[in-house]
C-alpha atoms as a PDB file:
ATOM      1  CA  MET A   1      24.637  -6.810  -6.625  1.00  0.00           C
ATOM      2  CA  LYS A   2      22.714 -10.089  -6.642  1.00  0.00           C
ATOM      3  CA  GLY A   3      20.064 -10.945  -4.064  1.00  0.00           C
ATOM      4  CA  ARG A   4      17.767  -8.837  -1.885  1.00  0.00           C
ATOM      5  CA  GLN A   5      18.905  -5.876   0.186  1.00  0.00           C
ATOM      6  CA  ILE A   6      16.787  -3.834   2.599  1.00  0.00           C
ATOM      7  CA  ILE A   7      18.432  -0.450   3.095  1.00  0.00           C
ATOM      8  CA  LEU A   8      17.402   1.775   6.010  1.00  0.00           C
ATOM      9  CA  ASP A   9      18.591   5.359   5.838  1.00  0.00           C
ATOM     10  CA  HIS A  10      17.364   8.962   5.722  1.00  0.00           C
ATOM     11  CA  ILE A  11      16.868  11.300   2.773  1.00  0.00           C
ATOM     12  CA  GLY A  12      16.322  15.042   3.098  1.00  0.00           C
ATOM     13  CA  GLY A  13      15.934  14.590   6.850  1.00  0.00           C
ATOM     14  CA  ARG A  14      13.155  12.028   6.382  1.00  0.00           C
ATOM     15  CA  GLU A  15      13.266   8.409   7.457  1.00  0.00           C
ATOM     16  CA  ALA A  16      13.416   6.147   4.404  1.00  0.00           C
ATOM     17  CA  ALA A  17      13.677   2.476   3.440  1.00  0.00           C
ATOM     18  CA  ALA A  18      14.505   0.893   0.084  1.00  0.00           C
ATOM     19  CA  LEU A  19      14.212  -2.646  -1.241  1.00  0.00           C
ATOM     20  CA  MET A  20      16.766  -3.610  -3.887  1.00  0.00           C
ATOM     21  CA  VAL A  21      16.508  -6.903  -5.790  1.00  0.00           C
ATOM     22  CA  ASP A  22      19.492  -7.903  -7.955  1.00  0.00           C
ATOM     23  CA  GLY A  23      20.624  -4.290  -8.031  1.00  0.00           C
ATOM     24  CA  ARG A  24      17.247  -2.859  -9.119  1.00  0.00           C
ATOM     25  CA  LEU A  25      15.061  -0.648  -6.918  1.00  0.00           C
ATOM     26  CA  GLU A  26      11.823  -2.580  -6.295  1.00  0.00           C
ATOM     27  CA  ASP A  27      10.255  -0.476  -3.564  1.00  0.00           C
ATOM     28  CA  VAL A  28      10.900   2.643  -1.560  1.00  0.00           C
ATOM     29  CA  LEU A  29       9.253   4.158   1.515  1.00  0.00           C
ATOM     30  CA  ILE A  30       9.858   7.762   2.560  1.00  0.00           C
ATOM     31  CA  GLY A  31       8.405   9.439   5.635  1.00  0.00           C
ATOM     32  CA  SER A  32       5.850  12.206   5.137  1.00  0.00           C
ATOM     33  CA  ASP A  33       4.533  15.065   7.266  1.00  0.00           C
ATOM     34  CA  ALA A  34       0.976  13.843   6.623  1.00  0.00           C
ATOM     35  CA  PRO A  35      -0.652  11.299   8.977  1.00  0.00           C
ATOM     36  CA  ALA A  36       0.412   7.827   7.878  1.00  0.00           C
ATOM     37  CA  PRO A  37      -2.059   5.046   7.078  1.00  0.00           C
ATOM     38  CA  GLY A  38      -2.770   3.104  10.256  1.00  0.00           C
ATOM     39  CA  THR A  39      -3.037   6.213  12.449  1.00  0.00           C
ATOM     40  CA  ILE A  40      -6.020   5.917  14.790  1.00  0.00           C
ATOM     41  CA  TYR A  41      -8.053   8.892  16.040  1.00  0.00           C
ATOM     42  CA  ARG A  42     -10.829   9.456  18.463  1.00  0.00           C
ATOM     43  CA  ALA A  43     -12.867  11.700  16.179  1.00  0.00           C
ATOM     44  CA  GLN A  44     -16.119  13.632  16.345  1.00  0.00           C
ATOM     45  CA  ALA A  45     -18.790  13.491  13.660  1.00  0.00           C
ATOM     46  CA  LEU A  46     -19.473  16.930  12.148  1.00  0.00           C
ATOM     47  CA  ARG A  47     -22.029  16.725   9.355  1.00  0.00           C
ATOM     48  CA  PRO A  48     -23.181  14.255   6.700  1.00  0.00           C
ATOM     49  CA  VAL A  49     -22.545  15.064   3.042  1.00  0.00           C
ATOM     50  CA  LYS A  50     -25.716  14.617   1.040  1.00  0.00           C
ATOM     51  CA  GLY A  51     -25.326  12.618  -2.131  1.00  0.00           C
ATOM     52  CA  GLN A  52     -21.920  11.198  -1.167  1.00  0.00           C
ATOM     53  CA  GLY A  53     -22.960   8.770   1.542  1.00  0.00           C
ATOM     54  CA  GLY A  54     -20.328  10.077   3.920  1.00  0.00           C
ATOM     55  CA  MET A  55     -19.606  12.408   6.812  1.00  0.00           C
ATOM     56  CA  PHE A  56     -16.869  14.845   7.754  1.00  0.00           C
ATOM     57  CA  LEU A  57     -15.157  14.259  11.090  1.00  0.00           C
ATOM     58  CA  SER A  58     -13.044  16.450  13.331  1.00  0.00           C
ATOM     59  CA  THR A  59      -9.561  15.154  14.260  1.00  0.00           C
ATOM     60  CA  PRO A  60      -6.495  16.840  15.811  1.00  0.00           C
ATOM     61  CA  ASP A  61      -4.879  16.766  12.348  1.00  0.00           C
ATOM     62  CA  GLY A  62      -7.757  18.388  10.506  1.00  0.00           C
ATOM     63  CA  SER A  63     -10.861  17.204   8.727  1.00  0.00           C
ATOM     64  CA  ALA A  64     -11.426  13.519   7.888  1.00  0.00           C
ATOM     65  CA  PHE A  65     -14.012  11.889   5.637  1.00  0.00           C
ATOM     66  CA  LEU A  66     -15.821   8.665   6.519  1.00  0.00           C
ATOM     67  CA  ARG A  67     -18.003   6.710   4.086  1.00  0.00           C
ATOM     68  CA  GLN A  68     -20.970   4.486   4.971  1.00  0.00           C
ATOM     69  CA  VAL A  69     -22.128   6.443   8.011  1.00  0.00           C
ATOM     70  CA  LYS A  70     -25.571   4.968   8.589  1.00  0.00           C
ATOM     71  CA  GLY A  71     -26.509   5.277  12.254  1.00  0.00           C
ATOM     72  CA  ILE A  72     -23.871   7.906  13.115  1.00  0.00           C
ATOM     73  CA  ALA A  73     -25.279  11.098  14.612  1.00  0.00           C
ATOM     74  CA  GLN A  74     -23.793  14.570  14.384  1.00  0.00           C
ATOM     75  CA  GLY A  75     -21.591  15.222  17.421  1.00  0.00           C
ATOM     76  CA  GLN A  76     -21.010  11.518  18.090  1.00  0.00           C
ATOM     77  CA  THR A  77     -17.517  10.366  19.117  1.00  0.00           C
ATOM     78  CA  LEU A  78     -16.041   7.362  17.304  1.00  0.00           C
ATOM     79  CA  LEU A  79     -12.740   5.609  16.630  1.00  0.00           C
ATOM     80  CA  VAL A  80     -11.423   5.766  13.061  1.00  0.00           C
ATOM     81  CA  GLN A  81      -8.236   4.739  11.259  1.00  0.00           C
ATOM     82  CA  VAL A  82      -6.473   6.474   8.361  1.00  0.00           C
ATOM     83  CA  THR A  83      -6.586   4.299   5.228  1.00  0.00           C
ATOM     84  CA  GLY A  84      -4.448   6.309   2.806  1.00  0.00           C
ATOM     85  CA  TYR A  85      -3.097   9.729   1.876  1.00  0.00           C
ATOM     86  CA  ALA A  86      -5.442  12.558   0.998  1.00  0.00           C
ATOM     87  CA  GLU A  87      -5.284  14.475  -2.245  1.00  0.00           C
ATOM     88  CA  PRO A  88      -4.065  18.070  -1.765  1.00  0.00           C
ATOM     89  CA  GLY A  89      -6.759  20.152  -0.110  1.00  0.00           C
ATOM     90  CA  LYS A  90      -8.990  17.186   0.722  1.00  0.00           C
ATOM     91  CA  ALA A  91      -9.950  15.456   3.960  1.00  0.00           C
ATOM     92  CA  LEU A  92      -8.140  12.414   5.351  1.00  0.00           C
ATOM     93  CA  PRO A  93      -9.746   9.119   4.230  1.00  0.00           C
ATOM     94  CA  VAL A  94     -10.686   7.048   7.289  1.00  0.00           C
ATOM     95  CA  THR A  95     -12.600   3.907   8.216  1.00  0.00           C
ATOM     96  CA  GLU A  96     -14.308   2.572  11.339  1.00  0.00           C
ATOM     97  CA  ARG A  97     -12.875  -0.916  10.651  1.00  0.00           C
ATOM     98  CA  LEU A  98      -9.736  -0.834  12.772  1.00  0.00           C
ATOM     99  CA  LEU A  99      -6.770  -3.103  12.006  1.00  0.00           C
ATOM    100  CA  PHE A 100      -3.825  -3.657  14.337  1.00  0.00           C
ATOM    101  CA  LYS A 101      -1.131  -4.936  12.015  1.00  0.00           C
ATOM    102  CA  SER A 102       2.360  -6.266  12.685  1.00  0.00           C
ATOM    103  CA  ARG A 103       4.851  -8.580  10.987  1.00  0.00           C
ATOM    104  CA  TYR A 104       3.082 -11.817  11.876  1.00  0.00           C
ATOM    105  CA  ALA A 105      -0.375 -10.887  13.129  1.00  0.00           C
ATOM    106  CA  ILE A 106      -3.319  -8.661  12.246  1.00  0.00           C
ATOM    107  CA  VAL A 107      -5.900  -8.219  15.017  1.00  0.00           C
ATOM    108  CA  THR A 108      -9.382  -7.355  13.724  1.00  0.00           C
ATOM    109  CA  PRO A 109     -11.740  -6.145  16.482  1.00  0.00           C
ATOM    110  CA  ASP A 110     -14.728  -5.871  14.121  1.00  0.00           C
ATOM    111  CA  ALA A 111     -14.238  -9.235  12.366  1.00  0.00           C
ATOM    112  CA  PRO A 112     -14.181 -12.213  14.775  1.00  0.00           C
ATOM    113  CA  GLY A 113     -12.560 -15.453  13.678  1.00  0.00           C
ATOM    114  CA  LEU A 114      -9.099 -16.998  13.511  1.00  0.00           C
ATOM    115  CA  ASN A 115      -7.552 -17.147  10.042  1.00  0.00           C
ATOM    116  CA  VAL A 116      -4.239 -18.160   8.488  1.00  0.00           C
ATOM    117  CA  SER A 117      -2.939 -16.615   5.261  1.00  0.00           C
ATOM    118  CA  ARG A 118      -3.869 -18.654   2.198  1.00  0.00           C
ATOM    119  CA  ALA A 119      -0.280 -18.228   1.011  1.00  0.00           C
ATOM    120  CA  ILE A 120       0.687 -20.815   3.656  1.00  0.00           C
ATOM    121  CA  ARG A 121      -0.225 -24.099   1.960  1.00  0.00           C
ATOM    122  CA  ASP A 122       1.434 -26.672   4.211  1.00  0.00           C
ATOM    123  CA  ASP A 123      -1.374 -28.311   6.206  1.00  0.00           C
ATOM    124  CA  VAL A 124       0.873 -29.239   9.128  1.00  0.00           C
ATOM    125  CA  ARG A 125       2.104 -25.659   9.487  1.00  0.00           C
ATOM    126  CA  ARG A 126      -1.441 -24.288   9.145  1.00  0.00           C
ATOM    127  CA  ASP A 127      -2.647 -26.578  11.943  1.00  0.00           C
ATOM    128  CA  ALA A 128       0.232 -25.498  14.178  1.00  0.00           C
ATOM    129  CA  LEU A 129      -0.568 -21.820  13.540  1.00  0.00           C
ATOM    130  CA  HIS A 130      -4.253 -22.364  14.309  1.00  0.00           C
ATOM    131  CA  LEU A 131      -3.233 -23.835  17.668  1.00  0.00           C
ATOM    132  CA  ILE A 132      -1.060 -20.790  18.438  1.00  0.00           C
ATOM    133  CA  ALA A 133      -3.902 -18.458  17.458  1.00  0.00           C
ATOM    134  CA  LYS A 134      -6.405 -20.322  19.646  1.00  0.00           C
ATOM    135  CA  SER A 135      -4.035 -20.386  22.582  1.00  0.00           C
ATOM    136  CA  GLU A 136      -3.334 -16.639  22.434  1.00  0.00           C
ATOM    137  CA  MET A 137      -6.803 -15.333  21.513  1.00  0.00           C
ATOM    138  CA  GLY A 138      -8.826 -17.620  23.788  1.00  0.00           C
ATOM    139  CA  ASP A 139     -12.568 -16.947  23.738  1.00  0.00           C
ATOM    140  CA  GLY A 140     -12.242 -13.219  23.084  1.00  0.00           C
ATOM    141  CA  ASN A 141     -14.466 -11.447  20.586  1.00  0.00           C
ATOM    142  CA  MET A 142     -11.635 -10.046  18.460  1.00  0.00           C
ATOM    143  CA  GLY A 143     -10.488 -11.659  15.230  1.00  0.00           C
ATOM    144  CA  LEU A 144      -6.975 -12.589  14.121  1.00  0.00           C
ATOM    145  CA  ILE A 145      -5.198 -13.099  10.805  1.00  0.00           C
ATOM    146  CA  LEU A 146      -1.798 -14.777  10.790  1.00  0.00           C
ATOM    147  CA  ARG A 147       0.242 -13.441   7.895  1.00  0.00           C
ATOM    148  CA  SER A 148       2.332 -15.343   5.352  1.00  0.00           C
ATOM    149  CA  ALA A 149       5.542 -14.412   7.218  1.00  0.00           C
ATOM    150  CA  CYS A 150       4.500 -16.943   9.895  1.00  0.00           C
ATOM    151  CA  VAL A 151       5.425 -19.859   7.638  1.00  0.00           C
ATOM    152  CA  ASP A 152       9.083 -19.970   8.794  1.00  0.00           C
ATOM    153  CA  ALA A 153       8.833 -17.817  11.900  1.00  0.00           C
ATOM    154  CA  ASP A 154       9.591 -18.882  15.465  1.00  0.00           C
ATOM    155  CA  ASP A 155       6.405 -19.840  17.315  1.00  0.00           C
ATOM    156  CA  ASP A 156       7.338 -17.752  20.361  1.00  0.00           C
ATOM    157  CA  ALA A 157       7.858 -14.680  18.154  1.00  0.00           C
ATOM    158  CA  ILE A 158       4.422 -15.189  16.586  1.00  0.00           C
ATOM    159  CA  ALA A 159       2.784 -15.555  20.003  1.00  0.00           C
ATOM    160  CA  GLU A 160       4.537 -12.408  21.242  1.00  0.00           C
ATOM    161  CA  ASP A 161       3.360 -10.485  18.178  1.00  0.00           C
ATOM    162  CA  ILE A 162      -0.228 -11.601  18.743  1.00  0.00           C
ATOM    163  CA  ARG A 163      -0.090 -10.502  22.382  1.00  0.00           C
ATOM    164  CA  ALA A 164       1.367  -7.105  21.477  1.00  0.00           C
ATOM    165  CA  MET A 165      -1.331  -6.398  18.882  1.00  0.00           C
ATOM    166  CA  THR A 166      -4.113  -7.661  21.147  1.00  0.00           C
ATOM    167  CA  ASP A 167      -2.917  -5.470  24.041  1.00  0.00           C
ATOM    168  CA  LEU A 168      -2.735  -2.461  21.729  1.00  0.00           C
ATOM    169  CA  ALA A 169      -6.239  -3.124  20.400  1.00  0.00           C
ATOM    170  CA  GLU A 170      -7.680  -3.429  23.902  1.00  0.00           C
ATOM    171  CA  THR A 171      -5.962  -0.216  25.004  1.00  0.00           C
ATOM    172  CA  VAL A 172      -7.300   1.758  22.022  1.00  0.00           C
ATOM    173  CA  LEU A 173     -10.825   0.342  22.232  1.00  0.00           C
ATOM    174  CA  SER A 174     -11.041   1.242  25.921  1.00  0.00           C
ATOM    175  CA  ASP A 175     -10.232   4.875  25.134  1.00  0.00           C
ATOM    176  CA  ALA A 176     -13.213   5.693  22.910  1.00  0.00           C
ATOM    177  CA  ALA A 177     -14.710   8.484  25.017  1.00  0.00           C
ATOM    178  CA  GLY A 178     -13.545  12.080  25.108  1.00  0.00           C
ATOM    179  CA  ALA A 179     -12.482  14.922  22.846  1.00  0.00           C
ATOM    180  CA  PRO A 180     -10.850  14.323  19.448  1.00  0.00           C
ATOM    181  CA  GLU A 181      -7.364  12.869  19.967  1.00  0.00           C
ATOM    182  CA  LYS A 182      -4.677  10.919  18.123  1.00  0.00           C
ATOM    183  CA  LEU A 183      -4.446   7.526  19.832  1.00  0.00           C
ATOM    184  CA  THR A 184      -1.780   5.780  17.728  1.00  0.00           C
ATOM    185  CA  GLU A 185       0.669   6.777  15.011  1.00  0.00           C
ATOM    186  CA  GLY A 186       0.894   4.945  11.697  1.00  0.00           C
ATOM    187  CA  ASP A 187       4.094   2.973  11.099  1.00  0.00           C
ATOM    188  CA  GLY A 188       7.104   4.822   9.686  1.00  0.00           C
ATOM    189  CA  PRO A 189       9.264   3.549   6.777  1.00  0.00           C
ATOM    190  CA  HIS A 190      11.718   1.503   8.885  1.00  0.00           C
ATOM    191  CA  LEU A 191       8.947  -0.245  10.802  1.00  0.00           C
ATOM    192  CA  LEU A 192       6.960  -0.801   7.595  1.00  0.00           C
ATOM    193  CA  ALA A 193      10.013  -2.397   5.977  1.00  0.00           C
ATOM    194  CA  TRP A 194      10.333  -4.818   8.925  1.00  0.00           C
ATOM    195  CA  ARG A 195       6.591  -5.478   8.867  1.00  0.00           C
ATOM    196  CA  ASP A 196       5.991  -6.012   5.157  1.00  0.00           C
ATOM    197  CA  TRP A 197       9.300  -6.951   3.459  1.00  0.00           C
ATOM    198  CA  THR A 198       9.520 -10.360   5.075  1.00  0.00           C
ATOM    199  CA  GLU A 199      11.424 -12.415   2.507  1.00  0.00           C
ATOM    200  CA  PRO A 200      15.078 -13.141   3.436  1.00  0.00           C
ATOM    201  CA  ALA A 201      17.309 -10.161   2.703  1.00  0.00           C
ATOM    202  CA  GLU A 202      20.578  -8.524   3.697  1.00  0.00           C
ATOM    203  CA  VAL A 203      19.796  -5.498   5.895  1.00  0.00           C
ATOM    204  CA  GLU A 204      21.990  -2.392   5.671  1.00  0.00           C
ATOM    205  CA  THR A 205      21.589   0.356   8.290  1.00  0.00           C
ATOM    206  CA  ALA A 206      24.801   2.386   8.017  1.00  0.00           C
ATOM    207  CA  PRO A 207      24.348   6.132   7.396  1.00  0.00           C
ATOM    208  CA  GLY A 208      24.876   6.942   3.715  1.00  0.00           C
ATOM    209  CA  SER A 209      23.696   3.512   2.568  1.00  0.00           C
ATOM    210  CA  PHE A 210      21.287   5.027   0.029  1.00  0.00           C
ATOM    211  CA  GLU A 211      24.243   6.559  -1.793  1.00  0.00           C
ATOM    212  CA  SER A 212      26.588   3.575  -1.542  1.00  0.00           C
ATOM    213  CA  HIS A 213      23.939   1.092  -2.744  1.00  0.00           C
ATOM    214  CA  GLY A 214      22.710   3.173  -5.686  1.00  0.00           C
ATOM    215  CA  VAL A 215      19.332   4.103  -4.222  1.00  0.00           C
ATOM    216  CA  LEU A 216      19.866   7.837  -4.736  1.00  0.00           C
ATOM    217  CA  ASP A 217      20.737   7.278  -8.393  1.00  0.00           C
ATOM    218  CA  ALA A 218      17.602   5.161  -8.873  1.00  0.00           C
ATOM    219  CA  LEU A 219      15.454   7.842  -7.213  1.00  0.00           C
ATOM    220  CA  GLU A 220      16.978  10.507  -9.440  1.00  0.00           C
ATOM    221  CA  THR A 221      15.810   8.637 -12.554  1.00  0.00           C
ATOM    222  CA  LEU A 222      12.262   8.661 -11.152  1.00  0.00           C
ATOM    223  CA  ARG A 223      12.170  12.443 -11.416  1.00  0.00           C
ATOM    224  CA  SER A 224      11.693  11.954 -15.166  1.00  0.00           C
ATOM    225  CA  PRO A 225       8.233  10.946 -16.413  1.00  0.00           C
ATOM    226  CA  GLU A 226       9.889   8.501 -18.828  1.00  0.00           C
ATOM    227  CA  ALA A 227      10.307   4.887 -17.737  1.00  0.00           C
ATOM    228  CA  PRO A 228      12.204   2.568 -20.131  1.00  0.00           C
ATOM    229  CA  LEU A 229      10.759  -0.831 -21.015  1.00  0.00           C
ATOM    230  CA  PRO A 230      12.514  -3.918 -22.404  1.00  0.00           C
ATOM    231  CA  GLY A 231      13.017  -3.890 -26.176  1.00  0.00           C
ATOM    232  CA  GLY A 232      13.448  -0.132 -26.493  1.00  0.00           C
ATOM    233  CA  ALA A 233       9.831   0.795 -25.652  1.00  0.00           C
ATOM    234  CA  SER A 234       8.971   3.233 -22.869  1.00  0.00           C
ATOM    235  CA  LEU A 235       6.261   4.606 -20.609  1.00  0.00           C
ATOM    236  CA  PHE A 236       5.568   8.250 -19.871  1.00  0.00           C
ATOM    237  CA  ILE A 237       3.867   8.527 -16.473  1.00  0.00           C
ATOM    238  CA  GLU A 238       2.512  11.998 -15.756  1.00  0.00           C
ATOM    239  CA  PRO A 239       0.261  12.860 -12.793  1.00  0.00           C
ATOM    240  CA  THR A 240      -2.267  15.643 -13.343  1.00  0.00           C
ATOM    241  CA  ARG A 241      -4.769  17.177 -10.931  1.00  0.00           C
ATOM    242  CA  ALA A 242      -7.537  14.864 -12.160  1.00  0.00           C
ATOM    243  CA  LEU A 243      -5.732  11.608 -12.969  1.00  0.00           C
ATOM    244  CA  VAL A 244      -2.451   9.867 -13.768  1.00  0.00           C
ATOM    245  CA  ALA A 245      -1.829   9.611 -17.516  1.00  0.00           C
ATOM    246  CA  VAL A 246       0.321   6.723 -18.782  1.00  0.00           C
ATOM    247  CA  ASP A 247       1.445   6.770 -22.418  1.00  0.00           C
ATOM    248  CA  VAL A 248       2.969   3.638 -24.001  1.00  0.00           C
ATOM    249  CA  ASN A 249       5.553   4.222 -26.734  1.00  0.00           C
ATOM    250  CA  THR A 250       7.076   1.557 -28.996  1.00  0.00           C
ATOM    251  CA  GLY A 251      10.308   3.461 -29.569  1.00  0.00           C
ATOM    252  CA  ALA A 252      12.345   2.523 -32.633  1.00  0.00           C
ATOM    253  CA  ASP A 253      10.679  -0.875 -33.047  1.00  0.00           C
ATOM    254  CA  GLY A 254       8.848  -0.807 -36.381  1.00  0.00           C
ATOM    255  CA  SER A 255       7.719  -4.445 -36.481  1.00  0.00           C
ATOM    256  CA  LEU A 256       4.070  -5.468 -36.735  1.00  0.00           C
ATOM    257  CA  ALA A 257       4.133  -6.758 -33.168  1.00  0.00           C
ATOM    258  CA  ALA A 258       5.775  -3.634 -31.704  1.00  0.00           C
ATOM    259  CA  GLY A 259       2.587  -2.331 -30.090  1.00  0.00           C
ATOM    260  CA  LEU A 260       1.686  -5.705 -28.615  1.00  0.00           C
ATOM    261  CA  LYS A 261       5.169  -6.199 -27.133  1.00  0.00           C
ATOM    262  CA  ALA A 262       5.200  -2.697 -25.637  1.00  0.00           C
ATOM    263  CA  ASN A 263       1.741  -3.090 -24.095  1.00  0.00           C
ATOM    264  CA  PHE A 264       2.588  -6.410 -22.463  1.00  0.00           C
ATOM    265  CA  ALA A 265       5.853  -4.941 -21.153  1.00  0.00           C
ATOM    266  CA  CYS A 266       3.773  -2.075 -19.731  1.00  0.00           C
ATOM    267  CA  ALA A 267       1.485  -4.580 -17.975  1.00  0.00           C
ATOM    268  CA  ARG A 268       4.468  -6.225 -16.271  1.00  0.00           C
ATOM    269  CA  GLU A 269       6.277  -3.021 -15.251  1.00  0.00           C
ATOM    270  CA  LEU A 270       3.460  -0.576 -14.434  1.00  0.00           C
ATOM    271  CA  PRO A 271       2.806  -1.744 -10.831  1.00  0.00           C
ATOM    272  CA  ARG A 272       6.452  -1.208  -9.924  1.00  0.00           C
ATOM    273  CA  HIS A 273       6.588   2.278 -11.425  1.00  0.00           C
ATOM    274  CA  LEU A 274       3.334   3.396  -9.770  1.00  0.00           C
ATOM    275  CA  ARG A 275       4.565   1.966  -6.459  1.00  0.00           C
ATOM    276  CA  LEU A 276       7.929   3.714  -6.646  1.00  0.00           C
ATOM    277  CA  ARG A 277       6.355   7.028  -7.630  1.00  0.00           C
ATOM    278  CA  GLY A 278       3.656   6.783  -4.941  1.00  0.00           C
ATOM    279  CA  LEU A 279       0.867   7.355  -7.464  1.00  0.00           C
ATOM    280  CA  GLY A 280      -2.786   6.404  -7.038  1.00  0.00           C
ATOM    281  CA  GLY A 281      -6.305   7.562  -7.805  1.00  0.00           C
ATOM    282  CA  GLN A 282      -7.623   7.355 -11.364  1.00  0.00           C
ATOM    283  CA  ILE A 283      -5.065   6.043 -13.863  1.00  0.00           C
ATOM    284  CA  VAL A 284      -5.593   6.065 -17.632  1.00  0.00           C
ATOM    285  CA  ILE A 285      -3.273   4.107 -19.964  1.00  0.00           C
ATOM    286  CA  ASP A 286      -2.974   5.229 -23.588  1.00  0.00           C
ATOM    287  CA  LEU A 287      -1.834   1.939 -25.098  1.00  0.00           C
ATOM    288  CA  ALA A 288       0.202   1.409 -28.238  1.00  0.00           C
ATOM    289  CA  PRO A 289      -1.835   0.113 -31.215  1.00  0.00           C
ATOM    290  CA  MET A 290      -2.655  -3.601 -31.005  1.00  0.00           C
ATOM    291  CA  PRO A 291      -5.423  -5.862 -32.356  1.00  0.00           C
ATOM    292  CA  LYS A 292      -8.626  -6.000 -30.304  1.00  0.00           C
ATOM    293  CA  LYS A 293      -8.268  -9.770 -30.049  1.00  0.00           C
ATOM    294  CA  ASP A 294      -5.209  -9.257 -27.819  1.00  0.00           C
ATOM    295  CA  ARG A 295      -7.012  -7.076 -25.265  1.00  0.00           C
ATOM    296  CA  ARG A 296      -8.013 -10.011 -23.090  1.00  0.00           C
ATOM    297  CA  GLY A 297      -4.425 -11.237 -22.917  1.00  0.00           C
ATOM    298  CA  PHE A 298      -3.214  -7.759 -21.981  1.00  0.00           C
ATOM    299  CA  GLU A 299      -5.803  -7.473 -19.220  1.00  0.00           C
ATOM    300  CA  SER A 300      -4.823 -10.904 -17.851  1.00  0.00           C
ATOM    301  CA  ALA A 301      -1.155  -9.886 -17.773  1.00  0.00           C
ATOM    302  CA  LEU A 302      -2.072  -6.632 -16.018  1.00  0.00           C
ATOM    303  CA  ARG A 303      -4.206  -8.417 -13.425  1.00  0.00           C
ATOM    304  CA  LYS A 304      -1.410 -10.899 -12.713  1.00  0.00           C
ATOM    305  CA  ALA A 305       1.114  -8.093 -12.236  1.00  0.00           C
ATOM    306  CA  PHE A 306      -1.079  -6.147  -9.804  1.00  0.00           C
ATOM    307  CA  ARG A 307      -1.996  -9.272  -7.835  1.00  0.00           C
ATOM    308  CA  SER A 308       1.460  -9.335  -6.235  1.00  0.00           C
ATOM    309  CA  ASP A 309       1.737  -5.562  -5.859  1.00  0.00           C
ATOM    310  CA  GLY A 310       0.256  -5.219  -2.373  1.00  0.00           C
ATOM    311  CA  ILE A 311      -1.674  -1.990  -3.005  1.00  0.00           C
ATOM    312  CA  ASP A 312      -5.402  -2.249  -3.753  1.00  0.00           C
ATOM    313  CA  THR A 313      -5.971  -1.619  -7.462  1.00  0.00           C
ATOM    314  CA  ALA A 314      -9.254  -2.085  -9.336  1.00  0.00           C
ATOM    315  CA  LEU A 315      -9.083  -2.778 -13.081  1.00  0.00           C
ATOM    316  CA  ALA A 316     -11.964  -0.822 -14.635  1.00  0.00           C
ATOM    317  CA  GLY A 317     -11.421  -1.941 -18.239  1.00  0.00           C
ATOM    318  CA  PHE A 318     -11.211  -0.451 -21.717  1.00  0.00           C
ATOM    319  CA  THR A 319     -12.881   2.807 -22.700  1.00  0.00           C
ATOM    320  CA  PRO A 320     -14.639   3.398 -26.051  1.00  0.00           C
ATOM    321  CA  LEU A 321     -11.456   5.138 -27.247  1.00  0.00           C
ATOM    322  CA  GLY A 322      -9.317   2.102 -26.428  1.00  0.00           C
ATOM    323  CA  HIS A 323      -7.679   3.477 -23.286  1.00  0.00           C
ATOM    324  CA  TYR A 324      -7.449   1.296 -20.198  1.00  0.00           C
ATOM    325  CA  GLU A 325      -8.581   2.618 -16.803  1.00  0.00           C
ATOM    326  CA  LEU A 326      -7.521   1.704 -13.260  1.00  0.00           C
ATOM    327  CA  GLN A 327      -8.526   2.918  -9.802  1.00  0.00           C
ATOM    328  CA  ARG A 328      -5.684   2.659  -7.271  1.00  0.00           C
ATOM    329  CA  LYS A 329      -5.617   3.316  -3.547  1.00  0.00           C
ATOM    330  CA  ARG A 330      -3.544   6.324  -2.478  1.00  0.00           C
ATOM    331  CA  ALA A 331      -1.498   4.219  -0.079  1.00  0.00           C
ATOM    332  CA  ARG A 332       1.595   6.451  -0.264  1.00  0.00           C
ATOM    333  CA  PRO A 333       2.459  10.097  -0.742  1.00  0.00           C
ATOM    334  CA  ALA A 334       3.655  11.058  -4.199  1.00  0.00           C
ATOM    335  CA  LEU A 335       7.432  10.689  -4.511  1.00  0.00           C
ATOM    336  CA  PHE A 336       7.908  14.086  -6.175  1.00  0.00           C
ATOM    337  CA  GLU A 337       6.485  15.738  -3.032  1.00  0.00           C
ATOM    338  CA  LEU A 338       9.117  14.097  -0.808  1.00  0.00           C
ATOM    339  CA  LEU A 339      12.417  14.249  -2.705  1.00  0.00           C
ATOM    340  CA  PRO A 340      14.685  17.158  -1.734  1.00  0.00           C
END
């Protein structure tokens, strides 16, 4: 099917959302039992960890780990927000920099200032959005970012979104004293789909839509570590306890440029496959053979592909053995942990 479809359904009893573009699965969100990113706790500082520049915190959902803890005393109560999913057996990653994020607005209590997404380039629209932001935020000390979805949105809807996020921020910030407690839940898959998949799309909500639109078949193929690439090449993506190993294979192509073509295809497709599989942490790519002079072009293609991915990924570069290393935020639970 041509065009974009957002499909809201359930899988294995879990809330789930899928984004299909021209019949291909581009993104999928599946609910997890773990606290979702965006969850806010009133937590209590336990003890600093020497040599790691961090501190363990007590929350109702177990231990959390906070970096950059200068000035925080043991036993102190503070507000923190979950930033990603923890590795098995490890503490929840949290930050003191709270964000209250919706479809149009992000309220930033710790970063004053009114900002409009740089993706909105029309000066007239930017000026209009600045006026809305000023009108709604007044002289308060909280900051605001208006997201790219504001470009074609109704002004009243934007203003309502700003008010909702500001009210939520004020409510949470006023509740900083007391025993450890969960103050807000992170957004689930259906709300995340509304919040982040903002380009025009047909929305399907009927039960069984995952099966009728081919989402279940696409998820089934993701159980295999092999991911086909154009031209007969392929990736093998295999998570281990320490890292995610990605192996690039040229397949039956025996031409001199086979390795180069496979590596550039890997650069274009890797963000999608990591996103769909919910993989993060340290990622090591074992590339197909290619001349050293082409490494810069490969890295540029990789950087361009990850720029539009939406999940923080740092490109570390080539190793002495010719592998390429990435560091990616664990923004989602691993898909293999969620599929029935």
